[in-house]
Amino acid sequence: MGAGKDTVCVIPYTFLAWGDGVVKQPGSPGDLAQKTAAHRLLQSGVGLFLLGLLTGFAIPVLANPRMGLSSHLEGVMNGMFLVLLGLIWERLALPSTALRVAFWLAIYGTFANWATTLLAAFWGAGESMMPIAAQGHNGTSVQEMIVSIGLWSLSVSMVVVCVLVLWGLRRPPSSARE
């Protein structure tokens, strides 16, 4: 190497998870935890996709079939979201705490979306938060409150998940990892 030349040192397949100060390498506990979480997201996504498909069979017998269709679509779409999240999970450069928060909020938000709309369909509720899907169906005050709390909490959860995932994808993967 001559004087004045820049040198680059590449360490294959390592990355720094910004903020936690731990370099994760293949086979390390952090790497294994991220692989396990990715696999669990894939499993949960396929499971939720299946629940969404099965919800489609129940549409005709629900108190509000239009809300049942919404639940069916939420299950299918949120299942796909979890599968997609599982596929990119190992690319996220986040502290371990942020990964855990994103994981559990994603699980909660996606399943709560399906379950809350299914409850609203079963009860014939949802007018206060989803007037188009509710089509004039209004449940008791307790039912409407449960639906409202479910929808607000899952909405906040999913926004936090998307912000964390976007933050975790802020750096492109290094050519050494590919």
Protein backbone atom coordinates (compact mmCIF):
# COMPACT_ATOMS: atom_id res chain seq x y z
CA MET A 1 0.00 0.00 0.00
CA GLY A 2 1.38 3.30 -1.01
CA ALA A 3 1.34 6.44 1.05
CA GLY A 4 -1.75 8.54 0.63
CA LYS A 5 -3.97 5.67 -0.51
CA ASP A 6 -7.20 5.06 1.32
CA THR A 7 -7.65 1.57 2.66
CA VAL A 8 -10.94 -0.11 3.41
CA CYS A 9 -11.31 -2.95 5.86
CA VAL A 10 -14.36 -5.11 5.25
CA ILE A 11 -15.50 -7.53 7.93
CA PRO A 12 -17.78 -10.03 6.20
CA TYR A 13 -21.38 -10.25 7.39
CA THR A 14 -21.16 -8.11 10.49
CA PHE A 15 -23.13 -5.05 11.34
CA LEU A 16 -23.53 -2.74 14.25
CA ALA A 17 -27.04 -2.56 15.62
CA TRP A 18 -27.03 1.18 16.21
CA GLY A 19 -27.64 2.16 19.78
CA ASP A 20 -27.07 -1.15 21.57
CA GLY A 21 -23.30 -1.22 21.08
CA VAL A 22 -23.21 -4.90 20.13
CA VAL A 23 -21.73 -6.20 16.91
CA LYS A 24 -23.88 -9.09 15.74
CA GLN A 25 -22.24 -11.90 13.82
CA PRO A 26 -23.69 -15.10 12.40
CA GLY A 27 -24.43 -17.53 15.21
CA SER A 28 -24.34 -14.85 17.92
CA PRO A 29 -27.26 -14.71 20.37
CA GLY A 30 -28.48 -11.42 18.85
CA ASP A 31 -28.38 -12.86 15.34
CA LEU A 32 -30.22 -16.00 16.46
CA ALA A 33 -32.89 -13.96 18.25
CA GLN A 34 -33.48 -11.90 15.12
CA LYS A 35 -33.73 -15.05 12.96
CA THR A 36 -36.17 -16.59 15.45
CA ALA A 37 -38.32 -13.43 15.49
CA ALA A 38 -38.32 -13.38 11.68
CA HIS A 39 -39.51 -17.00 11.64
CA ARG A 40 -42.24 -16.25 14.22
CA LEU A 41 -43.44 -13.32 12.11
CA LEU A 42 -43.68 -15.63 9.09
CA GLN A 43 -45.63 -18.21 11.10
CA SER A 44 -47.93 -15.58 12.58
CA GLY A 45 -48.49 -14.03 9.18
CA VAL A 46 -49.52 -17.28 7.55
CA GLY A 47 -51.73 -18.07 10.56
CA LEU A 48 -53.44 -14.68 10.37
CA PHE A 49 -53.83 -15.05 6.60
CA LEU A 50 -55.60 -18.38 7.26
CA LEU A 51 -57.85 -16.78 9.90
CA GLY A 52 -58.73 -14.09 7.38
CA LEU A 53 -59.64 -16.72 4.80
CA LEU A 54 -61.77 -18.63 7.30
CA THR A 55 -63.49 -15.39 8.32
CA GLY A 56 -64.68 -15.14 4.73
CA PHE A 57 -66.81 -18.24 5.27
CA ALA A 58 -68.56 -16.61 8.25
CA ILE A 59 -69.55 -13.41 6.43
CA PRO A 60 -73.16 -14.45 5.62
CA VAL A 61 -74.01 -15.33 9.23
CA LEU A 62 -72.60 -12.21 10.91
CA ALA A 63 -74.86 -9.44 12.22
CA ASN A 64 -73.13 -7.03 9.81
CA PRO A 65 -71.84 -8.88 6.74
CA ARG A 66 -70.14 -5.74 5.37
CA MET A 67 -68.06 -5.46 8.56
CA GLY A 68 -67.38 -9.20 8.25
CA LEU A 69 -65.95 -8.54 4.79
CA SER A 70 -63.74 -5.87 6.37
CA SER A 71 -62.53 -8.39 8.96
CA HIS A 72 -61.85 -10.94 6.23
CA LEU A 73 -59.78 -8.40 4.29
CA GLU A 74 -57.96 -7.20 7.43
CA GLY A 75 -56.95 -10.76 8.27
CA VAL A 76 -55.66 -11.44 4.77
CA MET A 77 -53.85 -8.11 4.36
CA ASN A 78 -52.37 -8.04 7.87
CA GLY A 79 -51.24 -11.64 7.42
CA MET A 80 -49.38 -10.58 4.29
CA PHE A 81 -47.91 -7.63 6.20
CA LEU A 82 -46.52 -9.97 8.88
CA VAL A 83 -45.05 -12.26 6.21
CA LEU A 84 -43.43 -9.27 4.52
CA LEU A 85 -42.12 -8.05 7.87
CA GLY A 86 -40.70 -11.50 8.58
CA LEU A 87 -38.88 -11.48 5.25
CA ILE A 88 -37.16 -8.15 5.93
CA TRP A 89 -36.74 -8.57 9.71
CA GLU A 90 -33.08 -9.63 9.56
CA ARG A 91 -32.20 -6.49 7.59
CA LEU A 92 -33.34 -4.19 10.39
CA ALA A 93 -30.50 -2.41 12.19
CA LEU A 94 -32.24 -1.63 15.47
CA PRO A 95 -31.33 -1.96 19.14
CA SER A 96 -32.65 -5.18 20.65
CA THR A 97 -35.26 -3.29 22.70
CA ALA A 98 -36.61 -1.56 19.60
CA LEU A 99 -36.76 -4.92 17.81
CA ARG A 100 -38.78 -6.43 20.67
CA VAL A 101 -41.14 -3.44 20.75
CA ALA A 102 -41.65 -3.56 16.99
CA PHE A 103 -42.20 -7.33 17.04
CA TRP A 104 -44.86 -7.33 19.77
CA LEU A 105 -46.63 -4.21 18.49
CA ALA A 106 -46.78 -5.75 15.01
CA ILE A 107 -48.26 -8.96 16.40
CA TYR A 108 -50.74 -7.02 18.54
CA GLY A 109 -51.70 -4.51 15.86
CA THR A 110 -52.31 -7.01 13.08
CA PHE A 111 -54.28 -9.52 15.15
CA ALA A 112 -56.21 -6.76 16.93
CA ASN A 113 -57.21 -5.31 13.57
CA TRP A 114 -58.71 -8.61 12.47
CA ALA A 115 -60.29 -9.37 15.87
CA THR A 116 -61.74 -5.89 16.44
CA THR A 117 -63.44 -5.77 13.05
CA LEU A 118 -64.68 -9.35 13.56
CA LEU A 119 -66.17 -8.42 16.94
CA ALA A 120 -67.84 -5.39 15.37
CA ALA A 121 -69.27 -7.62 12.64
CA PHE A 122 -70.49 -10.19 15.17
CA TRP A 123 -72.07 -7.55 17.42
CA GLY A 124 -73.40 -5.35 14.63
CA ALA A 125 -71.32 -2.49 16.02
CA GLY A 126 -68.75 -0.02 14.75
CA GLU A 127 -70.85 2.97 13.71
CA SER A 128 -68.81 5.37 15.85
CA MET A 129 -65.43 4.54 14.23
CA MET A 130 -66.22 2.87 10.90
CA PRO A 131 -69.48 4.33 9.61
CA ILE A 132 -69.06 3.09 6.02
CA ALA A 133 -68.33 -0.51 7.00
CA ALA A 134 -70.90 -0.41 9.82
CA GLN A 135 -73.66 0.61 7.39
CA GLY A 136 -75.81 2.02 10.18
CA HIS A 137 -75.18 -0.86 12.61
CA ASN A 138 -74.70 0.55 16.07
CA GLY A 139 -73.87 -1.62 19.07
CA THR A 140 -74.35 -0.93 22.74
CA SER A 141 -72.22 1.80 24.30
CA VAL A 142 -69.89 -0.85 25.78
CA GLN A 143 -69.52 -2.62 22.41
CA GLU A 144 -68.81 0.68 20.64
CA MET A 145 -66.26 1.58 23.33
CA ILE A 146 -64.47 -1.78 22.96
CA VAL A 147 -64.35 -1.35 19.18
CA SER A 148 -63.09 2.23 19.54
CA ILE A 149 -60.35 1.28 22.02
CA GLY A 150 -59.30 -1.64 19.82
CA LEU A 151 -59.11 0.50 16.69
CA TRP A 152 -57.28 3.39 18.35
CA SER A 153 -54.75 1.14 20.07
CA LEU A 154 -54.00 -0.91 16.97
CA SER A 155 -53.67 2.26 14.88
CA VAL A 156 -51.07 3.71 17.25
CA SER A 157 -49.30 0.34 17.39
CA MET A 158 -49.05 0.03 13.63
CA VAL A 159 -47.76 3.59 13.19
CA VAL A 160 -45.03 2.89 15.77
CA VAL A 161 -44.16 -0.37 13.98
CA CYS A 162 -43.85 1.39 10.63
CA VAL A 163 -41.68 4.16 12.10
CA LEU A 164 -39.38 1.60 13.78
CA VAL A 165 -39.12 -0.51 10.63
CA LEU A 166 -38.36 2.55 8.51
CA TRP A 167 -35.72 3.58 11.07
CA GLY A 168 -34.26 0.07 10.99
CA LEU A 169 -33.99 0.19 7.19
CA ARG A 170 -32.17 3.54 7.17
CA ARG A 171 -28.90 1.96 6.04
CA PRO A 172 -28.58 -0.12 2.89
CA PRO A 173 -27.15 -3.60 3.40
CA SER A 174 -23.41 -3.73 2.89
CA SER A 175 -22.14 -5.58 -0.15
CA ALA A 176 -20.31 -7.96 2.21
CA ARG A 177 -23.65 -9.22 3.57
CA GLU A 178 -25.17 -10.04 0.22
